[in-house]
Amino acid sequence: MRIFAAILTVLIAVVFIGSAMAVPPGKTVEYAGGGAGKVVFDGKTHADKGLKCNDCHTKLFQMKKGAKLTMAEMKEGKNCGACHNGTKAFNTTDKENCAKCHKK
């Protein structure tokens, strides 16, 4: 019974830590974007399209602070490129879409 209680405690802690790391409404997360400028992620934009946090976390992204994303991976259909492929959402490989994520 003690082991069950310990496992349950750890699971509850993981759920709350994950919630605390999520992008709250009205806030954004910024990532270094190299020469193209920083990348600004607004969770509200995606939520307004009907997406939930779990649609991407942890299926496409690990909940890990400081994670690195590359355009090469996106072109391979990984990370943002899994949806931003020109079919489901705008294509990350089209130059006219750069400013939708990258801010100078």
PDB file of N, CA and C in Angstrom:
ATOM      1  N   MET A   1       0.814  -1.194   0.000  1.00  0.00           N
ATOM      2  CA  MET A   1       0.000   0.000   0.000  1.00  0.00           C
ATOM      3  C   MET A   1       0.863   1.266   0.000  1.00  0.00           C
ATOM      4  N   ARG A   2       2.032   1.211   0.679  1.00  0.00           N
ATOM      5  CA  ARG A   2       2.909   2.373   0.723  1.00  0.00           C
ATOM      6  C   ARG A   2       3.468   2.671  -0.669  1.00  0.00           C
ATOM      7  N   ILE A   3       3.769   1.617  -1.413  1.00  0.00           N
ATOM      8  CA  ILE A   3       4.310   1.810  -2.759  1.00  0.00           C
ATOM      9  C   ILE A   3       3.258   2.459  -3.652  1.00  0.00           C
ATOM     10  N   PHE A   4       2.030   2.019  -3.553  1.00  0.00           N
ATOM     11  CA  PHE A   4       0.936   2.601  -4.335  1.00  0.00           C
ATOM     12  C   PHE A   4       0.782   4.087  -4.001  1.00  0.00           C
ATOM     13  N   ALA A   5       0.816   4.421  -2.723  1.00  0.00           N
ATOM     14  CA  ALA A   5       0.685   5.812  -2.301  1.00  0.00           C
ATOM     15  C   ALA A   5       1.847   6.649  -2.831  1.00  0.00           C
ATOM     16  N   ALA A   6       3.043   6.100  -2.808  1.00  0.00           N
ATOM     17  CA  ALA A   6       4.215   6.819  -3.316  1.00  0.00           C
ATOM     18  C   ALA A   6       4.102   7.058  -4.818  1.00  0.00           C
ATOM     19  N   ILE A   7       3.679   6.049  -5.550  1.00  0.00           N
ATOM     20  CA  ILE A   7       3.513   6.185  -7.004  1.00  0.00           C
ATOM     21  C   ILE A   7       2.434   7.206  -7.316  1.00  0.00           C
ATOM     22  N   LEU A   8       1.335   7.160  -6.597  1.00  0.00           N
ATOM     23  CA  LEU A   8       0.243   8.116  -6.806  1.00  0.00           C
ATOM     24  C   LEU A   8       0.713   9.537  -6.514  1.00  0.00           C
ATOM     25  N   THR A   9       1.496   9.721  -5.492  1.00  0.00           N
ATOM     26  CA  THR A   9       2.020  11.039  -5.147  1.00  0.00           C
ATOM     27  C   THR A   9       2.909  11.579  -6.267  1.00  0.00           C
ATOM     28  N   VAL A  10       3.757  10.736  -6.808  1.00  0.00           N
ATOM     29  CA  VAL A  10       4.643  11.149  -7.897  1.00  0.00           C
ATOM     30  C   VAL A  10       3.830  11.516  -9.133  1.00  0.00           C
ATOM     31  N   LEU A  11       2.824  10.730  -9.462  1.00  0.00           N
ATOM     32  CA  LEU A  11       1.982  11.020 -10.630  1.00  0.00           C
ATOM     33  C   LEU A  11       1.258  12.352 -10.481  1.00  0.00           C
ATOM     34  N   ILE A  12       0.734  12.609  -9.321  1.00  0.00           N
ATOM     35  CA  ILE A  12       0.035  13.878  -9.076  1.00  0.00           C
ATOM     36  C   ILE A  12       1.015  15.046  -9.201  1.00  0.00           C
ATOM     37  N   ALA A  13       2.211  14.882  -8.664  1.00  0.00           N
ATOM     38  CA  ALA A  13       3.228  15.936  -8.765  1.00  0.00           C
ATOM     39  C   ALA A  13       3.580  16.226 -10.222  1.00  0.00           C
ATOM     40  N   VAL A  14       3.720  15.180 -11.029  1.00  0.00           N
ATOM     41  CA  VAL A  14       4.049  15.352 -12.446  1.00  0.00           C
ATOM     42  C   VAL A  14       2.939  16.119 -13.167  1.00  0.00           C
ATOM     43  N   VAL A  15       1.698  15.819 -12.865  1.00  0.00           N
ATOM     44  CA  VAL A  15       0.570  16.513 -13.492  1.00  0.00           C
ATOM     45  C   VAL A  15       0.603  17.992 -13.146  1.00  0.00           C
ATOM     46  N   PHE A  16       0.818  18.314 -11.887  1.00  0.00           N
ATOM     47  CA  PHE A  16       0.829  19.720 -11.482  1.00  0.00           C
ATOM     48  C   PHE A  16       2.049  20.462 -12.002  1.00  0.00           C
ATOM     49  N   ILE A  17       3.183  19.820 -12.070  1.00  0.00           N
ATOM     50  CA  ILE A  17       4.380  20.456 -12.618  1.00  0.00           C
ATOM     51  C   ILE A  17       4.155  20.747 -14.096  1.00  0.00           C
ATOM     52  N   GLY A  18       3.556  19.806 -14.828  1.00  0.00           N
ATOM     53  CA  GLY A  18       3.261  20.015 -16.244  1.00  0.00           C
ATOM     54  C   GLY A  18       2.324  21.183 -16.454  1.00  0.00           C
ATOM     55  N   SER A  19       1.325  21.321 -15.594  1.00  0.00           N
ATOM     56  CA  SER A  19       0.388  22.433 -15.698  1.00  0.00           C
ATOM     57  C   SER A  19       1.085  23.752 -15.420  1.00  0.00           C
ATOM     58  N   ALA A  20       1.991  23.753 -14.463  1.00  0.00           N
ATOM     59  CA  ALA A  20       2.700  24.974 -14.113  1.00  0.00           C
ATOM     60  C   ALA A  20       3.618  25.418 -15.242  1.00  0.00           C
ATOM     61  N   MET A  21       4.095  24.501 -16.062  1.00  0.00           N
ATOM     62  CA  MET A  21       5.014  24.830 -17.138  1.00  0.00           C
ATOM     63  C   MET A  21       4.279  25.246 -18.406  1.00  0.00           C
ATOM     64  N   ALA A  22       2.971  25.058 -18.461  1.00  0.00           N
ATOM     65  CA  ALA A  22       2.201  25.394 -19.656  1.00  0.00           C
ATOM     66  C   ALA A  22       2.153  26.911 -19.840  1.00  0.00           C
ATOM     67  N   VAL A  23       1.898  27.352 -21.073  1.00  0.00           N
ATOM     68  CA  VAL A  23       1.801  28.776 -21.375  1.00  0.00           C
ATOM     69  C   VAL A  23       0.404  29.238 -20.986  1.00  0.00           C
ATOM     70  N   PRO A  24       0.287  30.070 -19.946  1.00  0.00           N
ATOM     71  CA  PRO A  24      -1.030  30.517 -19.514  1.00  0.00           C
ATOM     72  C   PRO A  24      -1.640  31.512 -20.499  1.00  0.00           C
ATOM     73  N   PRO A  25      -2.957  31.702 -20.460  1.00  0.00           N
ATOM     74  CA  PRO A  25      -3.611  32.644 -21.372  1.00  0.00           C
ATOM     75  C   PRO A  25      -3.005  34.040 -21.255  1.00  0.00           C
ATOM     76  N   GLY A  26      -2.802  34.680 -22.391  1.00  0.00           N
ATOM     77  CA  GLY A  26      -2.262  36.026 -22.410  1.00  0.00           C
ATOM     78  C   GLY A  26      -0.751  36.100 -22.300  1.00  0.00           C
ATOM     79  N   LYS A  27      -0.083  34.966 -22.198  1.00  0.00           N
ATOM     80  CA  LYS A  27       1.374  34.931 -22.092  1.00  0.00           C
ATOM     81  C   LYS A  27       1.964  34.241 -23.314  1.00  0.00           C
ATOM     82  N   THR A  28       3.246  34.475 -23.548  1.00  0.00           N
ATOM     83  CA  THR A  28       3.944  33.840 -24.650  1.00  0.00           C
ATOM     84  C   THR A  28       5.246  33.229 -24.136  1.00  0.00           C
ATOM     85  N   VAL A  29       5.822  32.361 -24.933  1.00  0.00           N
ATOM     86  CA  VAL A  29       7.142  31.796 -24.650  1.00  0.00           C
ATOM     87  C   VAL A  29       8.031  32.190 -25.816  1.00  0.00           C
ATOM     88  N   GLU A  30       9.236  32.636 -25.501  1.00  0.00           N
ATOM     89  CA  GLU A  30      10.170  33.042 -26.546  1.00  0.00           C
ATOM     90  C   GLU A  30      11.356  32.089 -26.581  1.00  0.00           C
ATOM     91  N   TYR A  31      11.785  31.771 -27.785  1.00  0.00           N
ATOM     92  CA  TYR A  31      12.936  30.902 -28.026  1.00  0.00           C
ATOM     93  C   TYR A  31      13.929  31.668 -28.882  1.00  0.00           C
ATOM     94  N   ALA A  32      15.217  31.449 -28.654  1.00  0.00           N
ATOM     95  CA  ALA A  32      16.231  32.058 -29.507  1.00  0.00           C
ATOM     96  C   ALA A  32      16.038  31.497 -30.905  1.00  0.00           C
ATOM     97  N   GLY A  33      15.982  32.360 -31.895  1.00  0.00           N
ATOM     98  CA  GLY A  33      15.699  31.914 -33.251  1.00  0.00           C
ATOM     99  C   GLY A  33      16.861  32.072 -34.202  1.00  0.00           C
ATOM    100  N   GLY A  34      18.061  32.276 -33.687  1.00  0.00           N
ATOM    101  CA  GLY A  34      19.216  32.427 -34.562  1.00  0.00           C
ATOM    102  C   GLY A  34      19.115  33.692 -35.395  1.00  0.00           C
ATOM    103  N   GLY A  35      19.631  33.648 -36.601  1.00  0.00           N
ATOM    104  CA  GLY A  35      19.652  34.812 -37.470  1.00  0.00           C
ATOM    105  C   GLY A  35      18.280  35.267 -37.935  1.00  0.00           C
ATOM    106  N   ALA A  36      17.296  34.392 -37.862  1.00  0.00           N
ATOM    107  CA  ALA A  36      15.947  34.740 -38.321  1.00  0.00           C
ATOM    108  C   ALA A  36      15.158  35.500 -37.265  1.00  0.00           C
ATOM    109  N   GLY A  37      15.702  35.651 -36.064  1.00  0.00           N
ATOM    110  CA  GLY A  37      15.001  36.338 -34.984  1.00  0.00           C
ATOM    111  C   GLY A  37      14.385  35.344 -34.027  1.00  0.00           C
ATOM    112  N   LYS A  38      14.040  35.842 -32.841  1.00  0.00           N
ATOM    113  CA  LYS A  38      13.461  34.967 -31.820  1.00  0.00           C
ATOM    114  C   LYS A  38      12.123  34.411 -32.292  1.00  0.00           C
ATOM    115  N   VAL A  39      11.777  33.250 -31.778  1.00  0.00           N
ATOM    116  CA  VAL A  39      10.502  32.624 -32.089  1.00  0.00           C
ATOM    117  C   VAL A  39       9.576  32.862 -30.894  1.00  0.00           C
ATOM    118  N   VAL A  40       8.406  33.378 -31.182  1.00  0.00           N
ATOM    119  CA  VAL A  40       7.432  33.661 -30.138  1.00  0.00           C
ATOM    120  C   VAL A  40       6.277  32.685 -30.284  1.00  0.00           C
ATOM    121  N   PHE A  41       6.055  31.882 -29.223  1.00  0.00           N
ATOM    122  CA  PHE A  41       4.948  30.931 -29.224  1.00  0.00           C
ATOM    123  C   PHE A  41       3.836  31.468 -28.333  1.00  0.00           C
ATOM    124  N   ASP A  42       2.640  31.567 -28.887  1.00  0.00           N
ATOM    125  CA  ASP A  42       1.468  32.010 -28.143  1.00  0.00           C
ATOM    126  C   ASP A  42       0.486  30.841 -28.084  1.00  0.00           C
ATOM    127  N   GLY A  43       0.343  30.255 -26.911  1.00  0.00           N
ATOM    128  CA  GLY A  43      -0.546  29.113 -26.745  1.00  0.00           C
ATOM    129  C   GLY A  43      -1.989  29.432 -27.089  1.00  0.00           C
ATOM    130  N   LYS A  44      -2.416  30.687 -26.885  1.00  0.00           N
ATOM    131  CA  LYS A  44      -3.795  31.086 -27.167  1.00  0.00           C
ATOM    132  C   LYS A  44      -4.123  30.940 -28.654  1.00  0.00           C
ATOM    133  N   THR A  45      -3.151  31.275 -29.499  1.00  0.00           N
ATOM    134  CA  THR A  45      -3.371  31.151 -30.942  1.00  0.00           C
ATOM    135  C   THR A  45      -3.724  29.715 -31.300  1.00  0.00           C
ATOM    136  N   HIS A  46      -3.020  28.773 -30.720  1.00  0.00           N
ATOM    137  CA  HIS A  46      -3.280  27.363 -30.999  1.00  0.00           C
ATOM    138  C   HIS A  46      -4.566  26.895 -30.325  1.00  0.00           C
ATOM    139  N   ALA A  47      -4.823  27.374 -29.113  1.00  0.00           N
ATOM    140  CA  ALA A  47      -6.059  27.006 -28.403  1.00  0.00           C
ATOM    141  C   ALA A  47      -7.281  27.518 -29.162  1.00  0.00           C
ATOM    142  N   ASP A  48      -7.171  28.707 -29.753  1.00  0.00           N
ATOM    143  CA  ASP A  48      -8.275  29.266 -30.535  1.00  0.00           C
ATOM    144  C   ASP A  48      -8.600  28.417 -31.761  1.00  0.00           C
ATOM    145  N   LYS A  49      -7.634  27.602 -32.204  1.00  0.00           N
ATOM    146  CA  LYS A  49      -7.852  26.693 -33.336  1.00  0.00           C
ATOM    147  C   LYS A  49      -8.406  25.348 -32.867  1.00  0.00           C
ATOM    148  N   GLY A  50      -8.651  25.235 -31.536  1.00  0.00           N
ATOM    149  CA  GLY A  50      -9.238  24.007 -31.001  1.00  0.00           C
ATOM    150  C   GLY A  50      -8.230  22.999 -30.480  1.00  0.00           C
ATOM    151  N   LEU A  51      -6.962  23.386 -30.410  1.00  0.00           N
ATOM    152  CA  LEU A  51      -5.940  22.461 -29.931  1.00  0.00           C
ATOM    153  C   LEU A  51      -5.824  22.505 -28.411  1.00  0.00           C
ATOM    154  N   LYS A  52      -5.478  21.395 -27.848  1.00  0.00           N
ATOM    155  CA  LYS A  52      -5.223  21.265 -26.411  1.00  0.00           C
ATOM    156  C   LYS A  52      -3.719  21.058 -26.225  1.00  0.00           C
ATOM    157  N   CYS A  53      -3.224  21.366 -25.047  1.00  0.00           N
ATOM    158  CA  CYS A  53      -1.786  21.209 -24.760  1.00  0.00           C
ATOM    159  C   CYS A  53      -1.310  19.791 -25.081  1.00  0.00           C
ATOM    160  N   ASN A  54      -2.120  18.799 -24.712  1.00  0.00           N
ATOM    161  CA  ASN A  54      -1.715  17.404 -24.916  1.00  0.00           C
ATOM    162  C   ASN A  54      -1.697  16.980 -26.383  1.00  0.00           C
ATOM    163  N   ASP A  55      -2.239  17.786 -27.267  1.00  0.00           N
ATOM    164  CA  ASP A  55      -2.155  17.462 -28.691  1.00  0.00           C
ATOM    165  C   ASP A  55      -0.704  17.490 -29.172  1.00  0.00           C
ATOM    166  N   CYS A  56       0.103  18.327 -28.542  1.00  0.00           N
ATOM    167  CA  CYS A  56       1.520  18.431 -28.918  1.00  0.00           C
ATOM    168  C   CYS A  56       2.458  17.918 -27.833  1.00  0.00           C
ATOM    169  N   HIS A  57       2.087  18.142 -26.588  1.00  0.00           N
ATOM    170  CA  HIS A  57       2.921  17.685 -25.460  1.00  0.00           C
ATOM    171  C   HIS A  57       2.340  16.392 -24.928  1.00  0.00           C
ATOM    172  N   THR A  58       2.971  15.356 -24.884  1.00  0.00           N
ATOM    173  CA  THR A  58       4.354  15.034 -25.137  1.00  0.00           C
ATOM    174  C   THR A  58       4.505  14.239 -26.432  1.00  0.00           C
ATOM    175  N   LYS A  59       3.511  14.306 -27.277  1.00  0.00           N
ATOM    176  CA  LYS A  59       3.570  13.584 -28.552  1.00  0.00           C
ATOM    177  C   LYS A  59       4.642  14.160 -29.480  1.00  0.00           C
ATOM    178  N   LEU A  60       4.692  15.482 -29.599  1.00  0.00           N
ATOM    179  CA  LEU A  60       5.651  16.133 -30.492  1.00  0.00           C
ATOM    180  C   LEU A  60       6.786  16.803 -29.733  1.00  0.00           C
ATOM    181  N   PHE A  61       6.490  17.295 -28.549  1.00  0.00           N
ATOM    182  CA  PHE A  61       7.467  18.033 -27.757  1.00  0.00           C
ATOM    183  C   PHE A  61       7.563  17.439 -26.366  1.00  0.00           C
ATOM    184  N   GLN A  62       8.759  17.351 -25.868  1.00  0.00           N
ATOM    185  CA  GLN A  62       8.949  16.969 -24.481  1.00  0.00           C
ATOM    186  C   GLN A  62       8.749  18.214 -23.631  1.00  0.00           C
ATOM    187  N   MET A  63       8.240  18.046 -22.446  1.00  0.00           N
ATOM    188  CA  MET A  63       8.049  19.177 -21.543  1.00  0.00           C
ATOM    189  C   MET A  63       9.393  19.432 -20.872  1.00  0.00           C
ATOM    190  N   LYS A  64      10.289  20.069 -21.584  1.00  0.00           N
ATOM    191  CA  LYS A  64      11.650  20.263 -21.101  1.00  0.00           C
ATOM    192  C   LYS A  64      12.076  21.691 -21.369  1.00  0.00           C
ATOM    193  N   LYS A  65      12.386  22.418 -20.306  1.00  0.00           N
ATOM    194  CA  LYS A  65      12.821  23.793 -20.452  1.00  0.00           C
ATOM    195  C   LYS A  65      14.149  23.834 -21.199  1.00  0.00           C
ATOM    196  N   GLY A  66      14.265  24.771 -22.123  1.00  0.00           N
ATOM    197  CA  GLY A  66      15.509  24.926 -22.870  1.00  0.00           C
ATOM    198  C   GLY A  66      15.651  23.993 -24.056  1.00  0.00           C
ATOM    199  N   ALA A  67      14.563  23.344 -24.454  1.00  0.00           N
ATOM    200  CA  ALA A  67      14.621  22.430 -25.601  1.00  0.00           C
ATOM    201  C   ALA A  67      14.994  23.202 -26.864  1.00  0.00           C
ATOM    202  N   LYS A  68      15.749  22.582 -27.727  1.00  0.00           N
ATOM    203  CA  LYS A  68      16.180  23.198 -28.985  1.00  0.00           C
ATOM    204  C   LYS A  68      15.356  22.632 -30.138  1.00  0.00           C
ATOM    205  N   LEU A  69      14.853  23.521 -30.968  1.00  0.00           N
ATOM    206  CA  LEU A  69      14.114  23.134 -32.163  1.00  0.00           C
ATOM    207  C   LEU A  69      14.871  23.681 -33.360  1.00  0.00           C
ATOM    208  N   THR A  70      14.928  22.907 -34.422  1.00  0.00           N
ATOM    209  CA  THR A  70      15.631  23.389 -35.612  1.00  0.00           C
ATOM    210  C   THR A  70      14.714  23.350 -36.829  1.00  0.00           C
ATOM    211  N   MET A  71      15.009  24.229 -37.774  1.00  0.00           N
ATOM    212  CA  MET A  71      14.236  24.249 -39.013  1.00  0.00           C
ATOM    213  C   MET A  71      14.455  22.950 -39.794  1.00  0.00           C
ATOM    214  N   ALA A  72      15.642  22.383 -39.707  1.00  0.00           N
ATOM    215  CA  ALA A  72      15.915  21.121 -40.405  1.00  0.00           C
ATOM    216  C   ALA A  72      14.973  20.026 -39.902  1.00  0.00           C
ATOM    217  N   GLU A  73      14.752  19.976 -38.590  1.00  0.00           N
ATOM    218  CA  GLU A  73      13.825  18.981 -38.028  1.00  0.00           C
ATOM    219  C   GLU A  73      12.398  19.249 -38.493  1.00  0.00           C
ATOM    220  N   MET A  74      12.030  20.522 -38.566  1.00  0.00           N
ATOM    221  CA  MET A  74      10.673  20.855 -39.011  1.00  0.00           C
ATOM    222  C   MET A  74      10.460  20.443 -40.459  1.00  0.00           C
ATOM    223  N   LYS A  75      11.475  20.622 -41.284  1.00  0.00           N
ATOM    224  CA  LYS A  75      11.385  20.211 -42.689  1.00  0.00           C
ATOM    225  C   LYS A  75      11.214  18.700 -42.814  1.00  0.00           C
ATOM    226  N   GLU A  76      11.688  17.961 -41.795  1.00  0.00           N
ATOM    227  CA  GLU A  76      11.535  16.501 -41.767  1.00  0.00           C
ATOM    228  C   GLU A  76      10.193  16.085 -41.165  1.00  0.00           C
ATOM    229  N   GLY A  77       9.350  17.059 -40.810  1.00  0.00           N
ATOM    230  CA  GLY A  77       8.045  16.745 -40.233  1.00  0.00           C
ATOM    231  C   GLY A  77       8.078  16.511 -38.743  1.00  0.00           C
ATOM    232  N   LYS A  78       9.141  16.958 -38.090  1.00  0.00           N
ATOM    233  CA  LYS A  78       9.247  16.824 -36.635  1.00  0.00           C
ATOM    234  C   LYS A  78       8.864  18.143 -35.981  1.00  0.00           C
ATOM    235  N   ASN A  79       8.592  18.089 -34.681  1.00  0.00           N
ATOM    236  CA  ASN A  79       8.256  19.279 -33.897  1.00  0.00           C
ATOM    237  C   ASN A  79       7.115  20.048 -34.568  1.00  0.00           C
ATOM    238  N   CYS A  80       7.274  21.346 -34.745  1.00  0.00           N
ATOM    239  CA  CYS A  80       6.223  22.174 -35.352  1.00  0.00           C
ATOM    240  C   CYS A  80       5.865  21.692 -36.755  1.00  0.00           C
ATOM    241  N   GLY A  81       6.856  21.144 -37.457  1.00  0.00           N
ATOM    242  CA  GLY A  81       6.656  20.682 -38.829  1.00  0.00           C
ATOM    243  C   GLY A  81       5.689  19.529 -38.968  1.00  0.00           C
ATOM    244  N   ALA A  82       5.333  18.881 -37.851  1.00  0.00           N
ATOM    245  CA  ALA A  82       4.347  17.797 -37.917  1.00  0.00           C
ATOM    246  C   ALA A  82       2.989  18.322 -38.365  1.00  0.00           C
ATOM    247  N   CYS A  83       2.662  19.537 -37.969  1.00  0.00           N
ATOM    248  CA  CYS A  83       1.391  20.154 -38.389  1.00  0.00           C
ATOM    249  C   CYS A  83       1.611  21.270 -39.400  1.00  0.00           C
ATOM    250  N   HIS A  84       2.695  22.029 -39.206  1.00  0.00           N
ATOM    251  CA  HIS A  84       2.977  23.153 -40.090  1.00  0.00           C
ATOM    252  C   HIS A  84       3.710  22.651 -41.323  1.00  0.00           C
ATOM    253  N   ASN A  85       2.941  21.929 -42.156  1.00  0.00           N
ATOM    254  CA  ASN A  85       3.493  21.268 -43.341  1.00  0.00           C
ATOM    255  C   ASN A  85       2.805  21.718 -44.631  1.00  0.00           C
ATOM    256  N   GLY A  86       1.935  22.723 -44.514  1.00  0.00           N
ATOM    257  CA  GLY A  86       1.220  23.212 -45.691  1.00  0.00           C
ATOM    258  C   GLY A  86      -0.103  22.514 -45.915  1.00  0.00           C
ATOM    259  N   THR A  87      -0.375  21.448 -45.181  1.00  0.00           N
ATOM    260  CA  THR A  87      -1.642  20.729 -45.307  1.00  0.00           C
ATOM    261  C   THR A  87      -2.548  21.052 -44.122  1.00  0.00           C
ATOM    262  N   LYS A  88      -2.061  20.794 -42.938  1.00  0.00           N
ATOM    263  CA  LYS A  88      -2.847  21.037 -41.724  1.00  0.00           C
ATOM    264  C   LYS A  88      -2.761  22.505 -41.301  1.00  0.00           C
ATOM    265  N   ALA A  89      -1.600  23.095 -41.435  1.00  0.00           N
ATOM    266  CA  ALA A  89      -1.359  24.498 -41.089  1.00  0.00           C
ATOM    267  C   ALA A  89      -0.313  25.052 -42.045  1.00  0.00           C
ATOM    268  N   PHE A  90      -0.076  26.363 -41.978  1.00  0.00           N
ATOM    269  CA  PHE A  90       0.883  26.964 -42.907  1.00  0.00           C
ATOM    270  C   PHE A  90       2.224  26.242 -42.854  1.00  0.00           C
ATOM    271  N   ASN A  91       2.918  26.249 -43.965  1.00  0.00           N
ATOM    272  CA  ASN A  91       4.169  25.507 -44.112  1.00  0.00           C
ATOM    273  C   ASN A  91       5.350  26.312 -43.575  1.00  0.00           C
ATOM    274  N   THR A  92       6.118  25.705 -42.675  1.00  0.00           N
ATOM    275  CA  THR A  92       7.285  26.371 -42.107  1.00  0.00           C
ATOM    276  C   THR A  92       8.404  26.543 -43.128  1.00  0.00           C
ATOM    277  N   THR A  93       8.350  25.836 -44.238  1.00  0.00           N
ATOM    278  CA  THR A  93       9.426  25.929 -45.226  1.00  0.00           C
ATOM    279  C   THR A  93       9.200  27.034 -46.260  1.00  0.00           C
ATOM    280  N   ASP A  94       7.999  27.656 -46.264  1.00  0.00           N
ATOM    281  CA  ASP A  94       7.721  28.748 -47.192  1.00  0.00           C
ATOM    282  C   ASP A  94       8.217  30.058 -46.596  1.00  0.00           C
ATOM    283  N   LYS A  95       9.105  30.739 -47.302  1.00  0.00           N
ATOM    284  CA  LYS A  95       9.739  31.956 -46.790  1.00  0.00           C
ATOM    285  C   LYS A  95       8.737  33.040 -46.396  1.00  0.00           C
ATOM    286  N   GLU A  96       7.609  33.113 -47.076  1.00  0.00           N
ATOM    287  CA  GLU A  96       6.624  34.153 -46.740  1.00  0.00           C
ATOM    288  C   GLU A  96       5.976  33.919 -45.369  1.00  0.00           C
ATOM    289  N   ASN A  97       6.185  32.752 -44.773  1.00  0.00           N
ATOM    290  CA  ASN A  97       5.616  32.450 -43.457  1.00  0.00           C
ATOM    291  C   ASN A  97       6.583  32.680 -42.297  1.00  0.00           C
ATOM    292  N   CYS A  98       7.824  33.040 -42.585  1.00  0.00           N
ATOM    293  CA  CYS A  98       8.840  33.174 -41.532  1.00  0.00           C
ATOM    294  C   CYS A  98       8.380  34.108 -40.413  1.00  0.00           C
ATOM    295  N   ALA A  99       7.836  35.266 -40.778  1.00  0.00           N
ATOM    296  CA  ALA A  99       7.466  36.277 -39.781  1.00  0.00           C
ATOM    297  C   ALA A  99       6.275  35.856 -38.910  1.00  0.00           C
ATOM    298  N   LYS A 100       5.615  34.770 -39.256  1.00  0.00           N
ATOM    299  CA  LYS A 100       4.510  34.298 -38.410  1.00  0.00           C
ATOM    300  C   LYS A 100       5.031  33.755 -37.079  1.00  0.00           C
ATOM    301  N   CYS A 101       6.283  33.309 -37.070  1.00  0.00           N
ATOM    302  CA  CYS A 101       6.887  32.789 -35.836  1.00  0.00           C
ATOM    303  C   CYS A 101       8.114  33.580 -35.407  1.00  0.00           C
ATOM    304  N   HIS A 102       8.938  33.957 -36.378  1.00  0.00           N
ATOM    305  CA  HIS A 102      10.196  34.652 -36.065  1.00  0.00           C
ATOM    306  C   HIS A 102       9.950  36.159 -35.992  1.00  0.00           C
ATOM    307  N   LYS A 103      10.401  36.756 -34.897  1.00  0.00           N
ATOM    308  CA  LYS A 103      10.268  38.197 -34.673  1.00  0.00           C
ATOM    309  C   LYS A 103      11.656  38.811 -34.535  1.00  0.00           C
ATOM    310  N   LYS A 104      11.929  39.833 -35.316  1.00  0.00           N
ATOM    311  CA  LYS A 104      13.244  40.511 -35.263  1.00  0.00           C
ATOM    312  C   LYS A 104      13.308  41.418 -34.059  1.00  0.00           C
TER     313      LYS A 104
END
